[in-house]
C-alpha atoms as a PDB file:
ATOM      1  CA  MET A   1     -38.349  40.388  16.850  1.00  0.00           C
ATOM      2  CA  LYS A   2     -38.135  39.811  20.580  1.00  0.00           C
ATOM      3  CA  TRP A   3     -36.186  42.240  22.712  1.00  0.00           C
ATOM      4  CA  TRP A   4     -33.507  39.724  23.630  1.00  0.00           C
ATOM      5  CA  LYS A   5     -32.782  39.013  19.962  1.00  0.00           C
ATOM      6  CA  ILE A   6     -32.449  42.716  19.296  1.00  0.00           C
ATOM      7  CA  TYR A   7     -30.116  43.002  22.284  1.00  0.00           C
ATOM      8  CA  ARG A   8     -28.037  40.083  20.976  1.00  0.00           C
ATOM      9  CA  LEU A   9     -27.605  41.762  17.602  1.00  0.00           C
ATOM     10  CA  ARG A  10     -26.577  44.971  19.329  1.00  0.00           C
ATOM     11  CA  LEU A  11     -23.929  43.059  21.258  1.00  0.00           C
ATOM     12  CA  ARG A  12     -22.678  41.448  18.052  1.00  0.00           C
ATOM     13  CA  ARG A  13     -22.309  44.848  16.440  1.00  0.00           C
ATOM     14  CA  LYS A  14     -20.395  46.194  19.429  1.00  0.00           C
ATOM     15  CA  LEU A  15     -18.161  43.127  19.382  1.00  0.00           C
ATOM     16  CA  ALA A  16     -17.491  43.633  15.663  1.00  0.00           C
ATOM     17  CA  LEU A  17     -16.550  47.262  16.313  1.00  0.00           C
ATOM     18  CA  TRP A  18     -14.303  46.219  19.202  1.00  0.00           C
ATOM     19  CA  ARG A  19     -12.535  43.690  17.003  1.00  0.00           C
ATOM     20  CA  ALA A  20     -12.078  46.348  14.334  1.00  0.00           C
ATOM     21  CA  PHE A  21     -10.612  48.711  16.964  1.00  0.00           C
ATOM     22  CA  ARG A  22      -8.227  46.003  18.114  1.00  0.00           C
ATOM     23  CA  ALA A  23      -7.242  45.098  14.523  1.00  0.00           C
ATOM     24  CA  ARG A  24      -6.058  48.664  13.885  1.00  0.00           C
ATOM     25  CA  ARG A  25      -2.780  47.673  15.550  1.00  0.00           C
ATOM     26  CA  GLN A  26      -2.098  45.318  12.654  1.00  0.00           C
ATOM     27  CA  LEU A  27      -2.137  48.192  10.174  1.00  0.00           C
ATOM     28  CA  SER A  28       0.785  50.492   9.464  1.00  0.00           C
ATOM     29  CA  ILE A  29       0.259  53.585   7.364  1.00  0.00           C
ATOM     30  CA  HIS A  30       2.171  53.583   4.103  1.00  0.00           C
ATOM     31  CA  GLN A  31       0.638  56.662   2.505  1.00  0.00           C
ATOM     32  CA  ASP A  32      -1.777  58.987   4.271  1.00  0.00           C
ATOM     33  CA  ASN A  33      -3.688  61.355   2.005  1.00  0.00           C
ATOM     34  CA  THR A  34      -6.869  61.307   4.080  1.00  0.00           C
ATOM     35  CA  SER A  35      -6.534  65.057   4.657  1.00  0.00           C
ATOM     36  CA  GLN A  36      -7.560  65.428   1.009  1.00  0.00           C
ATOM     37  CA  ILE A  37     -11.005  63.924   1.686  1.00  0.00           C
ATOM     38  CA  LYS A  38     -13.688  66.578   1.358  1.00  0.00           C
ATOM     39  CA  LYS A  39     -17.262  66.709   2.571  1.00  0.00           C
ATOM     40  CA  GLY A  40     -19.530  64.872   0.165  1.00  0.00           C
ATOM     41  CA  ASP A  41     -16.760  62.810  -1.449  1.00  0.00           C
ATOM     42  CA  VAL A  42     -17.643  59.249  -2.446  1.00  0.00           C
ATOM     43  CA  LEU A  43     -15.023  56.932  -0.938  1.00  0.00           C
ATOM     44  CA  LEU A  44     -13.886  53.402  -1.793  1.00  0.00           C
ATOM     45  CA  VAL A  45     -12.477  50.871   0.691  1.00  0.00           C
ATOM     46  CA  CYS A  46     -10.626  47.782  -0.512  1.00  0.00           C
ATOM     47  CA  THR A  47      -8.345  45.039   0.800  1.00  0.00           C
ATOM     48  CA  LEU A  48      -5.975  43.527  -1.729  1.00  0.00           C
ATOM     49  CA  ARG A  49      -3.017  41.226  -2.182  1.00  0.00           C
ATOM     50  CA  ASN A  50      -0.963  40.866  -5.376  1.00  0.00           C
ATOM     51  CA  GLU A  51      -3.339  42.603  -7.770  1.00  0.00           C
ATOM     52  CA  ARG A  52      -0.835  44.751  -9.670  1.00  0.00           C
ATOM     53  CA  ILE A  53      -2.028  43.715 -13.136  1.00  0.00           C
ATOM     54  CA  ARG A  54      -5.645  44.612 -12.328  1.00  0.00           C
ATOM     55  CA  LEU A  55      -5.090  47.954 -10.611  1.00  0.00           C
ATOM     56  CA  PRO A  56      -4.719  50.320 -13.624  1.00  0.00           C
ATOM     57  CA  TYR A  57      -8.156  49.525 -15.044  1.00  0.00           C
ATOM     58  CA  PHE A  58      -9.756  49.279 -11.588  1.00  0.00           C
ATOM     59  CA  MET A  59      -8.569  52.795 -10.717  1.00  0.00           C
ATOM     60  CA  LYS A  60      -9.627  54.200 -14.091  1.00  0.00           C
ATOM     61  CA  TYR A  61     -13.069  52.621 -13.844  1.00  0.00           C
ATOM     62  CA  TYR A  62     -13.893  53.967 -10.387  1.00  0.00           C
ATOM     63  CA  ARG A  63     -12.346  57.392 -10.931  1.00  0.00           C
ATOM     64  CA  GLU A  64     -14.527  57.826 -14.004  1.00  0.00           C
ATOM     65  CA  LEU A  65     -17.582  56.761 -11.969  1.00  0.00           C
ATOM     66  CA  GLY A  66     -16.904  59.522  -9.449  1.00  0.00           C
ATOM     67  CA  VAL A  67     -14.956  57.953  -6.565  1.00  0.00           C
ATOM     68  CA  LYS A  68     -12.862  60.735  -5.004  1.00  0.00           C
ATOM     69  CA  HIS A  69     -10.648  58.832  -2.576  1.00  0.00           C
ATOM     70  CA  PHE A  70      -9.419  55.236  -2.300  1.00  0.00           C
ATOM     71  CA  LEU A  71      -8.577  53.631   1.038  1.00  0.00           C
ATOM     72  CA  PHE A  72      -6.535  50.460   0.479  1.00  0.00           C
ATOM     73  CA  VAL A  73      -5.338  47.797   2.889  1.00  0.00           C
ATOM     74  CA  ASP A  74      -2.422  45.977   1.278  1.00  0.00           C
ATOM     75  CA  ASN A  75      -2.034  42.499   2.772  1.00  0.00           C
ATOM     76  CA  ASP A  76       1.706  42.193   2.144  1.00  0.00           C
ATOM     77  CA  SER A  77       1.725  42.199  -1.653  1.00  0.00           C
ATOM     78  CA  ASP A  78       5.032  41.294  -3.268  1.00  0.00           C
ATOM     79  CA  ASP A  79       4.112  41.980  -6.910  1.00  0.00           C
ATOM     80  CA  GLY A  80       4.395  45.784  -6.861  1.00  0.00           C
ATOM     81  CA  SER A  81       0.748  46.544  -6.021  1.00  0.00           C
ATOM     82  CA  ARG A  82       1.650  48.873  -3.150  1.00  0.00           C
ATOM     83  CA  GLU A  83       4.365  50.599  -5.165  1.00  0.00           C
ATOM     84  CA  TYR A  84       1.973  51.187  -8.068  1.00  0.00           C
ATOM     85  CA  LEU A  85      -0.567  52.938  -5.812  1.00  0.00           C
ATOM     86  CA  THR A  86       2.057  55.024  -4.040  1.00  0.00           C
ATOM     87  CA  GLY A  87       2.179  58.643  -5.130  1.00  0.00           C
ATOM     88  CA  ALA A  88      -1.459  59.044  -6.179  1.00  0.00           C
ATOM     89  CA  ALA A  89      -3.018  62.009  -4.378  1.00  0.00           C
ATOM     90  CA  ASP A  90      -6.432  60.326  -4.133  1.00  0.00           C
ATOM     91  CA  VAL A  91      -5.074  57.148  -2.523  1.00  0.00           C
ATOM     92  CA  SER A  92      -4.305  56.259   1.105  1.00  0.00           C
ATOM     93  CA  ILE A  93      -2.599  52.936   1.835  1.00  0.00           C
ATOM     94  CA  TRP A  94      -2.200  50.790   4.921  1.00  0.00           C
ATOM     95  CA  HIS A  95       0.127  47.790   4.972  1.00  0.00           C
ATOM     96  CA  THR A  96      -0.218  44.649   7.062  1.00  0.00           C
ATOM     97  CA  THR A  97       1.484  41.278   7.300  1.00  0.00           C
ATOM     98  CA  ALA A  98      -1.235  39.926   9.593  1.00  0.00           C
ATOM     99  CA  SER A  99      -3.463  36.955   8.799  1.00  0.00           C
ATOM    100  CA  TYR A 100      -6.237  37.644   6.298  1.00  0.00           C
ATOM    101  CA  ARG A 101      -8.248  34.767   7.789  1.00  0.00           C
ATOM    102  CA  ASN A 102      -7.923  36.047  11.358  1.00  0.00           C
ATOM    103  CA  SER A 103      -9.075  39.499  10.272  1.00  0.00           C
ATOM    104  CA  LEU A 104     -12.365  37.882   9.166  1.00  0.00           C
ATOM    105  CA  PHE A 105     -11.064  38.080   5.587  1.00  0.00           C
ATOM    106  CA  GLY A 106     -10.256  41.789   5.822  1.00  0.00           C
ATOM    107  CA  VAL A 107     -13.565  42.804   7.423  1.00  0.00           C
ATOM    108  CA  TYR A 108     -12.021  43.977  10.707  1.00  0.00           C
ATOM    109  CA  TRP A 109      -9.467  46.120   8.887  1.00  0.00           C
ATOM    110  CA  MET A 110     -12.052  47.678   6.583  1.00  0.00           C
ATOM    111  CA  ASN A 111     -14.536  48.274   9.414  1.00  0.00           C
ATOM    112  CA  TRP A 112     -11.849  50.163  11.299  1.00  0.00           C
ATOM    113  CA  ILE A 113     -10.880  52.331   8.326  1.00  0.00           C
ATOM    114  CA  ALA A 114     -14.532  53.026   7.522  1.00  0.00           C
ATOM    115  CA  ARG A 115     -15.227  53.955  11.159  1.00  0.00           C
ATOM    116  CA  LYS A 116     -12.326  56.395  11.269  1.00  0.00           C
ATOM    117  CA  TYR A 117     -12.439  57.980   7.818  1.00  0.00           C
ATOM    118  CA  CYS A 118     -15.802  57.274   6.145  1.00  0.00           C
ATOM    119  CA  HIS A 119     -18.327  58.589   8.676  1.00  0.00           C
ATOM    120  CA  ASP A 120     -21.124  60.457   6.841  1.00  0.00           C
ATOM    121  CA  HIS A 121     -19.666  59.585   3.424  1.00  0.00           C
ATOM    122  CA  TRP A 122     -21.184  57.324   0.813  1.00  0.00           C
ATOM    123  CA  THR A 123     -18.690  54.477   0.818  1.00  0.00           C
ATOM    124  CA  LEU A 124     -18.194  51.706  -1.710  1.00  0.00           C
ATOM    125  CA  THR A 125     -16.538  48.522  -0.412  1.00  0.00           C
ATOM    126  CA  VAL A 126     -15.385  46.226  -3.212  1.00  0.00           C
ATOM    127  CA  ASP A 127     -12.645  43.829  -4.269  1.00  0.00           C
ATOM    128  CA  VAL A 128     -10.259  44.616  -7.130  1.00  0.00           C
ATOM    129  CA  ASP A 129     -12.083  42.180  -9.424  1.00  0.00           C
ATOM    130  CA  GLU A 130     -15.536  43.712  -8.771  1.00  0.00           C
ATOM    131  CA  PHE A 131     -17.019  46.439 -10.993  1.00  0.00           C
ATOM    132  CA  PHE A 132     -20.073  48.321  -9.768  1.00  0.00           C
ATOM    133  CA  VAL A 133     -22.908  48.695 -12.296  1.00  0.00           C
ATOM    134  CA  PHE A 134     -26.050  50.625 -11.360  1.00  0.00           C
ATOM    135  CA  PRO A 135     -29.065  52.137 -13.156  1.00  0.00           C
ATOM    136  CA  PHE A 136     -28.077  54.828 -15.659  1.00  0.00           C
ATOM    137  CA  CYS A 137     -24.340  54.274 -14.984  1.00  0.00           C
ATOM    138  CA  ASP A 138     -23.650  54.818 -18.671  1.00  0.00           C
ATOM    139  CA  THR A 139     -24.779  58.450 -18.356  1.00  0.00           C
ATOM    140  CA  ARG A 140     -24.708  59.248 -14.615  1.00  0.00           C
ATOM    141  CA  PRO A 141     -21.869  58.998 -12.052  1.00  0.00           C
ATOM    142  CA  ILE A 142     -22.124  57.505  -8.579  1.00  0.00           C
ATOM    143  CA  PRO A 143     -22.789  60.953  -6.974  1.00  0.00           C
ATOM    144  CA  ALA A 144     -26.016  61.161  -9.013  1.00  0.00           C
ATOM    145  CA  LEU A 145     -27.079  57.849  -7.489  1.00  0.00           C
ATOM    146  CA  THR A 146     -26.096  58.842  -3.956  1.00  0.00           C
ATOM    147  CA  ASP A 147     -27.899  62.193  -4.287  1.00  0.00           C
ATOM    148  CA  TRP A 148     -31.063  60.315  -5.210  1.00  0.00           C
ATOM    149  CA  LEU A 149     -30.559  57.865  -2.341  1.00  0.00           C
ATOM    150  CA  ASP A 150     -30.131  60.778   0.083  1.00  0.00           C
ATOM    151  CA  ASN A 151     -33.278  62.481  -1.204  1.00  0.00           C
ATOM    152  CA  SER A 152     -35.149  59.191  -0.854  1.00  0.00           C
ATOM    153  CA  GLY A 153     -33.939  58.598   2.710  1.00  0.00           C
ATOM    154  CA  ILE A 154     -32.098  55.406   1.707  1.00  0.00           C
ATOM    155  CA  ARG A 155     -28.853  54.539   3.520  1.00  0.00           C
ATOM    156  CA  SER A 156     -27.695  51.391   1.714  1.00  0.00           C
ATOM    157  CA  PHE A 157     -27.736  50.028  -1.821  1.00  0.00           C
ATOM    158  CA  SER A 158     -27.441  46.389  -2.859  1.00  0.00           C
ATOM    159  CA  ALA A 159     -25.644  44.835  -5.803  1.00  0.00           C
ATOM    160  CA  MET A 160     -25.850  41.194  -6.803  1.00  0.00           C
ATOM    161  CA  LEU A 161     -22.493  39.644  -7.668  1.00  0.00           C
ATOM    162  CA  ILE A 162     -22.523  38.315 -11.231  1.00  0.00           C
ATOM    163  CA  ASP A 163     -19.669  36.046 -12.272  1.00  0.00           C
ATOM    164  CA  MET A 164     -18.342  36.985 -15.705  1.00  0.00           C
ATOM    165  CA  TYR A 165     -16.426  34.492 -17.826  1.00  0.00           C
ATOM    166  CA  PRO A 166     -15.061  33.983 -21.351  1.00  0.00           C
ATOM    167  CA  LYS A 167     -16.290  31.600 -24.008  1.00  0.00           C
ATOM    168  CA  GLY A 168     -13.745  28.804 -24.066  1.00  0.00           C
ATOM    169  CA  PRO A 169     -11.031  27.878 -21.547  1.00  0.00           C
ATOM    170  CA  ILE A 170     -10.504  30.661 -19.020  1.00  0.00           C
ATOM    171  CA  ASP A 171      -6.754  30.771 -19.720  1.00  0.00           C
ATOM    172  CA  ALA A 172      -7.082  30.938 -23.518  1.00  0.00           C
ATOM    173  CA  GLN A 173      -6.880  34.744 -23.708  1.00  0.00           C
ATOM    174  CA  PRO A 174      -4.136  36.516 -21.699  1.00  0.00           C
ATOM    175  CA  TYR A 175      -5.292  39.534 -19.714  1.00  0.00           C
ATOM    176  CA  LYS A 176      -3.148  42.624 -20.266  1.00  0.00           C
ATOM    177  CA  GLU A 177      -2.514  45.380 -17.744  1.00  0.00           C
ATOM    178  CA  GLY A 178      -4.954  48.260 -18.187  1.00  0.00           C
ATOM    179  CA  GLN A 179      -7.407  46.198 -20.212  1.00  0.00           C
ATOM    180  CA  ASP A 180     -11.128  46.143 -19.490  1.00  0.00           C
ATOM    181  CA  PRO A 181     -11.534  42.566 -18.181  1.00  0.00           C
ATOM    182  CA  MET A 182     -15.035  42.420 -19.680  1.00  0.00           C
ATOM    183  CA  GLU A 183     -13.425  42.439 -23.126  1.00  0.00           C
ATOM    184  CA  ILE A 184     -12.452  38.848 -22.285  1.00  0.00           C
ATOM    185  CA  ALA A 185     -15.024  37.805 -19.666  1.00  0.00           C
ATOM    186  CA  GLN A 186     -18.111  38.836 -21.653  1.00  0.00           C
ATOM    187  CA  TRP A 187     -20.547  36.099 -20.608  1.00  0.00           C
ATOM    188  CA  PHE A 188     -22.713  35.403 -17.554  1.00  0.00           C
ATOM    189  CA  ASP A 189     -25.530  33.153 -16.325  1.00  0.00           C
ATOM    190  CA  SER A 190     -28.849  34.895 -16.894  1.00  0.00           C
ATOM    191  CA  GLY A 191     -30.651  32.509 -14.518  1.00  0.00           C
ATOM    192  CA  ASN A 192     -29.834  29.565 -12.273  1.00  0.00           C
ATOM    193  CA  TYR A 193     -29.996  31.506  -8.983  1.00  0.00           C
ATOM    194  CA  MET A 194     -31.416  30.504  -5.593  1.00  0.00           C
ATOM    195  CA  LEU A 195     -32.789  33.079  -3.137  1.00  0.00           C
ATOM    196  CA  SER A 196     -33.570  32.789   0.541  1.00  0.00           C
ATOM    197  CA  THR A 197     -33.867  35.177   3.479  1.00  0.00           C
ATOM    198  CA  ASN A 198     -31.722  35.214   6.595  1.00  0.00           C
ATOM    199  CA  TYR A 199     -34.312  35.628   9.328  1.00  0.00           C
ATOM    200  CA  GLU A 200     -31.946  36.953  11.982  1.00  0.00           C
ATOM    201  CA  TYR A 201     -30.151  39.578   9.896  1.00  0.00           C
ATOM    202  CA  GLN A 202     -33.025  40.033   7.401  1.00  0.00           C
ATOM    203  CA  ASN A 203     -30.732  40.045   4.382  1.00  0.00           C
ATOM    204  CA  LEU A 204     -31.220  38.170   1.139  1.00  0.00           C
ATOM    205  CA  TRP A 205     -28.979  35.171   0.485  1.00  0.00           C
ATOM    206  CA  ILE A 206     -28.294  34.489  -3.204  1.00  0.00           C
ATOM    207  CA  GLN A 207     -26.395  31.536  -4.636  1.00  0.00           C
ATOM    208  CA  GLY A 208     -25.991  30.061  -8.072  1.00  0.00           C
ATOM    209  CA  GLY A 209     -24.387  31.088 -11.332  1.00  0.00           C
ATOM    210  CA  PRO A 210     -21.403  29.340 -12.888  1.00  0.00           C
ATOM    211  CA  ARG A 211     -19.630  28.656  -9.604  1.00  0.00           C
ATOM    212  CA  ALA A 212     -22.563  26.697  -8.225  1.00  0.00           C
ATOM    213  CA  ARG A 213     -23.216  25.097 -11.606  1.00  0.00           C
ATOM    214  CA  LEU A 214     -19.654  23.909 -12.223  1.00  0.00           C
ATOM    215  CA  PHE A 215     -17.591  23.966  -9.031  1.00  0.00           C
ATOM    216  CA  PHE A 216     -20.324  23.155  -6.492  1.00  0.00           C
ATOM    217  CA  SER A 217     -22.674  21.054  -8.609  1.00  0.00           C
ATOM    218  CA  ASP A 218     -22.710  18.310  -5.965  1.00  0.00           C
ATOM    219  CA  ASP A 219     -23.257  20.751  -3.087  1.00  0.00           C
ATOM    220  CA  PRO A 220     -24.955  23.938  -4.397  1.00  0.00           C
ATOM    221  CA  TYR A 221     -25.988  25.121  -0.922  1.00  0.00           C
ATOM    222  CA  ASN A 222     -22.310  25.564  -0.070  1.00  0.00           C
ATOM    223  CA  ALA A 223     -21.650  27.606  -3.203  1.00  0.00           C
ATOM    224  CA  PRO A 224     -20.368  31.167  -2.661  1.00  0.00           C
ATOM    225  CA  SER A 225     -22.972  33.781  -1.764  1.00  0.00           C
ATOM    226  CA  LEU A 226     -23.707  36.425  -4.377  1.00  0.00           C
ATOM    227  CA  ASN A 227     -25.659  38.965  -2.300  1.00  0.00           C
ATOM    228  CA  LYS A 228     -23.756  42.152  -1.491  1.00  0.00           C
ATOM    229  CA  ILE A 229     -24.476  45.564   0.001  1.00  0.00           C
ATOM    230  CA  PRO A 230     -21.392  47.445  -1.186  1.00  0.00           C
ATOM    231  CA  LEU A 231     -22.647  51.049  -1.125  1.00  0.00           C
ATOM    232  CA  VAL A 232     -23.534  52.554   2.259  1.00  0.00           C
ATOM    233  CA  ARG A 233     -23.828  56.056   3.659  1.00  0.00           C
ATOM    234  CA  TRP A 234     -21.449  55.142   6.419  1.00  0.00           C
ATOM    235  CA  HIS A 235     -21.838  55.849  10.094  1.00  0.00           C
ATOM    236  CA  LYS A 236     -19.105  55.179  12.616  1.00  0.00           C
ATOM    237  CA  ASP A 237     -21.377  52.739  14.464  1.00  0.00           C
ATOM    238  CA  TYR A 238     -22.054  50.542  11.410  1.00  0.00           C
ATOM    239  CA  ALA A 239     -20.224  47.260  10.865  1.00  0.00           C
ATOM    240  CA  TYR A 240     -20.008  44.648   8.155  1.00  0.00           C
ATOM    241  CA  MET A 241     -20.463  41.220   9.669  1.00  0.00           C
ATOM    242  CA  HIS A 242     -19.355  38.920   6.848  1.00  0.00           C
ATOM    243  CA  SER A 243     -17.663  40.447   3.807  1.00  0.00           C
ATOM    244  CA  THR A 244     -20.211  42.897   2.355  1.00  0.00           C
ATOM    245  CA  HIS A 245     -23.009  40.333   2.506  1.00  0.00           C
ATOM    246  CA  MET A 246     -24.696  41.866   5.549  1.00  0.00           C
ATOM    247  CA  LEU A 247     -24.378  44.694   8.049  1.00  0.00           C
ATOM    248  CA  LEU A 248     -25.543  45.809  11.421  1.00  0.00           C
ATOM    249  CA  PRO A 249     -27.787  47.594  12.272  1.00  0.00           C
ATOM    250  CA  ARG A 250     -29.895  45.130  10.361  1.00  0.00           C
ATOM    251  CA  GLY A 251     -32.144  47.829   8.872  1.00  0.00           C
ATOM    252  CA  LEU A 252     -29.319  48.399   6.376  1.00  0.00           C
ATOM    253  CA  ASN A 253     -30.040  44.924   4.981  1.00  0.00           C
ATOM    254  CA  HIS A 254     -33.562  45.891   3.860  1.00  0.00           C
ATOM    255  CA  VAL A 255     -32.511  46.429   0.260  1.00  0.00           C
ATOM    256  CA  TYR A 256     -34.846  44.053  -1.574  1.00  0.00           C
ATOM    257  CA  GLU A 257     -38.427  44.125  -2.793  1.00  0.00           C
ATOM    258  CA  THR A 258     -41.055  44.860  -0.165  1.00  0.00           C
ATOM    259  CA  GLU A 259     -44.809  45.506  -0.077  1.00  0.00           C
ATOM    260  CA  GLY A 260     -43.998  49.083  -1.017  1.00  0.00           C
ATOM    261  CA  GLY A 261     -42.536  48.010  -4.348  1.00  0.00           C
ATOM    262  CA  GLU A 262     -39.287  46.980  -5.913  1.00  0.00           C
ATOM    263  CA  LYS A 263     -36.209  48.757  -4.604  1.00  0.00           C
ATOM    264  CA  ALA A 264     -33.434  50.050  -6.832  1.00  0.00           C
ATOM    265  CA  SER A 265     -30.381  47.822  -6.994  1.00  0.00           C
ATOM    266  CA  GLY A 266     -27.250  47.234  -9.020  1.00  0.00           C
ATOM    267  CA  VAL A 267     -24.757  44.486  -9.746  1.00  0.00           C
ATOM    268  CA  LEU A 268     -21.085  43.847  -9.164  1.00  0.00           C
ATOM    269  CA  MET A 269     -19.601  42.386 -12.319  1.00  0.00           C
ATOM    270  CA  HIS A 270     -17.139  39.843 -10.970  1.00  0.00           C
ATOM    271  CA  ALA A 271     -14.163  39.462 -13.315  1.00  0.00           C
ATOM    272  CA  LYS A 272     -12.436  36.661 -11.395  1.00  0.00           C
ATOM    273  CA  PHE A 273     -12.268  34.184 -14.252  1.00  0.00           C
ATOM    274  CA  LEU A 274      -9.350  35.406 -16.363  1.00  0.00           C
ATOM    275  CA  ASN A 275      -6.130  33.584 -17.192  1.00  0.00           C
ATOM    276  CA  THR A 276      -4.651  35.010 -13.963  1.00  0.00           C
ATOM    277  CA  PHE A 277      -7.141  32.888 -12.013  1.00  0.00           C
ATOM    278  CA  VAL A 278      -5.126  29.671 -12.299  1.00  0.00           C
ATOM    279  CA  GLN A 279      -2.050  31.181 -10.617  1.00  0.00           C
ATOM    280  CA  LYS A 280      -4.217  32.950  -8.032  1.00  0.00           C
ATOM    281  CA  THR A 281      -5.915  29.673  -7.118  1.00  0.00           C
ATOM    282  CA  GLU A 282      -2.591  27.922  -6.561  1.00  0.00           C
ATOM    283  CA  GLU A 283      -1.318  30.794  -4.398  1.00  0.00           C
ATOM    284  CA  GLU A 284      -4.442  30.891  -2.217  1.00  0.00           C
ATOM    285  CA  LEU A 285      -4.408  27.122  -1.726  1.00  0.00           C
ATOM    286  CA  GLN A 286      -0.887  27.397  -0.334  1.00  0.00           C
ATOM    287  CA  ARG A 287      -1.750  30.340   1.912  1.00  0.00           C
ATOM    288  CA  ARG A 288      -4.991  28.796   3.294  1.00  0.00           C
ATOM    289  CA  GLN A 289      -6.275  32.224   4.286  1.00  0.00           C
ATOM    290  CA  HIS A 290      -9.801  31.999   2.901  1.00  0.00           C
ATOM    291  CA  TYR A 291     -13.103  30.851   4.367  1.00  0.00           C
ATOM    292  CA  ALA A 292     -13.460  27.232   5.582  1.00  0.00           C
ATOM    293  CA  GLY A 293      -9.836  26.332   4.951  1.00  0.00           C
ATOM    294  CA  SER A 294     -10.035  27.752   1.403  1.00  0.00           C
ATOM    295  CA  ARG A 295     -12.737  25.203   0.535  1.00  0.00           C
ATOM    296  CA  GLU A 296     -13.867  27.413  -2.345  1.00  0.00           C
ATOM    297  CA  TYR A 297     -10.374  27.530  -3.859  1.00  0.00           C
ATOM    298  CA  LEU A 298      -9.979  23.783  -3.422  1.00  0.00           C
ATOM    299  CA  ALA A 299     -13.151  23.288  -5.455  1.00  0.00           C
ATOM    300  CA  TYR A 300     -11.746  25.592  -8.130  1.00  0.00           C
ATOM    301  CA  HIS A 301      -8.449  23.732  -8.226  1.00  0.00           C
ATOM    302  CA  ASN A 302     -10.077  20.321  -8.511  1.00  0.00           C
ATOM    303  CA  ARG A 303     -11.987  21.390 -11.627  1.00  0.00           C
ATOM    304  CA  ILE A 304      -9.519  23.845 -13.180  1.00  0.00           C
ATOM    305  CA  LYS A 305      -6.970  21.058 -13.684  1.00  0.00           C
ATOM    306  CA  ASP A 306      -9.417  19.581 -16.205  1.00  0.00           C
ATOM    307  CA  ASP A 307      -9.465  22.890 -18.145  1.00  0.00           C
ATOM    308  CA  PRO A 308     -13.190  23.523 -17.699  1.00  0.00           C
ATOM    309  CA  GLU A 309     -15.208  26.025 -19.641  1.00  0.00           C
ATOM    310  CA  LEU A 310     -17.713  28.064 -17.674  1.00  0.00           C
ATOM    311  CA  TRP A 311     -19.647  28.897 -20.832  1.00  0.00           C
ATOM    312  CA  CYS A 312     -22.732  26.804 -21.561  1.00  0.00           C
ATOM    313  CA  ASN A 313     -25.699  26.905 -23.928  1.00  0.00           C
ATOM    314  CA  TRP A 314     -27.632  29.137 -21.513  1.00  0.00           C
ATOM    315  CA  SER A 315     -24.855  31.727 -21.161  1.00  0.00           C
ATOM    316  CA  GLU A 316     -25.698  35.270 -22.173  1.00  0.00           C
ATOM    317  CA  LYS A 317     -23.327  37.904 -23.560  1.00  0.00           C
ATOM    318  CA  TYR A 318     -23.244  41.152 -21.591  1.00  0.00           C
ATOM    319  CA  ILE A 319     -24.544  44.264 -23.350  1.00  0.00           C
ATOM    320  CA  ASN A 320     -25.432  46.899 -20.742  1.00  0.00           C
ATOM    321  CA  TRP A 321     -27.231  47.546 -17.452  1.00  0.00           C
ATOM    322  CA  ARG A 322     -30.639  47.692 -19.143  1.00  0.00           C
ATOM    323  CA  GLN A 323     -30.171  44.080 -20.242  1.00  0.00           C
ATOM    324  CA  LEU A 324     -29.535  43.118 -16.618  1.00  0.00           C
ATOM    325  CA  GLU A 325     -32.703  44.933 -15.542  1.00  0.00           C
ATOM    326  CA  ILE A 326     -34.791  43.127 -18.170  1.00  0.00           C
ATOM    327  CA  LEU A 327     -33.411  39.832 -16.847  1.00  0.00           C
ATOM    328  CA  GLY A 328     -34.421  40.803 -13.283  1.00  0.00           C
ATOM    329  CA  LEU A 329     -30.849  40.878 -11.961  1.00  0.00           C
ATOM    330  CA  MET A 330     -31.026  44.571 -10.988  1.00  0.00           C
ATOM    331  CA  SER A 331     -33.632  47.322 -10.896  1.00  0.00           C
ATOM    332  CA  LYS A 332     -33.915  51.076 -11.238  1.00  0.00           C
ATOM    333  CA  GLY A 333     -36.862  50.989  -8.828  1.00  0.00           C
ATOM    334  CA  ASN A 334     -38.557  54.382  -8.916  1.00  0.00           C
ATOM    335  CA  TRP A 335     -35.392  56.258  -9.906  1.00  0.00           C
ATOM    336  CA  ALA A 336     -36.054  57.991 -13.193  1.00  0.00           C
END
């Protein structure tokens, strides 16, 4: 890459960090337990709004995987989400009433928190409906993965987003607080994915799955992106540029297969499509705080009113991570 392109990317990263620094003023601390963070702890950063019903299982899942401290930005929830998290010794909470859209959909807030509290920690950045699955996760915790990544000189780890869904109408089975959402959303698309490479940032761009198949069938190239890099050994000078789809410095985006062989990767099981999705869609359409004027949620709304089923004859029922590796959706690389 030419020197002026490299310089431009460096300026973009500095601008992203400046915007994160400026966005800190929008955050007010609600509960500060960051003094409990110890060297070597795996941290989790998350922005949420009105996710009370999902939080009990989310916390249980990631605590059991080995996350030691949670850093939440609560975007003015009014369903008791903030109150539920309050009091937990492994949780720090910031509250904001500022615009989610103007914060680049939470990216500025999370970049700031990561810069201040996550330096030199392996940090997982996920949404409340995303569940990290990686090689050997049924027998090994996240610290086993991060130890291997450290020993291999790897600073970032990718995870393809896989939309999970039930068989039948998505609102047929009510989700209960504390329940594993994959007890309801057990199915996924085993194929139907498009891959391309972003030349400038050098990250993969993945689209497809049920959202492209059903909600964006007439415009699949505008379907939501499924490529994520959620696990990073954070440095204060790193910055996410668009959700967790890509970072700068761009070397962190080199998480896919190269001439040296296939790199290890995981998946984020995306449990968006539960019965709670219908109400969430209506709320987000009113708020208009998502990308492109909530175009994605408008597409959902226009099809949900017809009670669509995401399941089709090519849907596959989830078993375990080894199944996903056989299907080519993740890889253990040379981790044994």
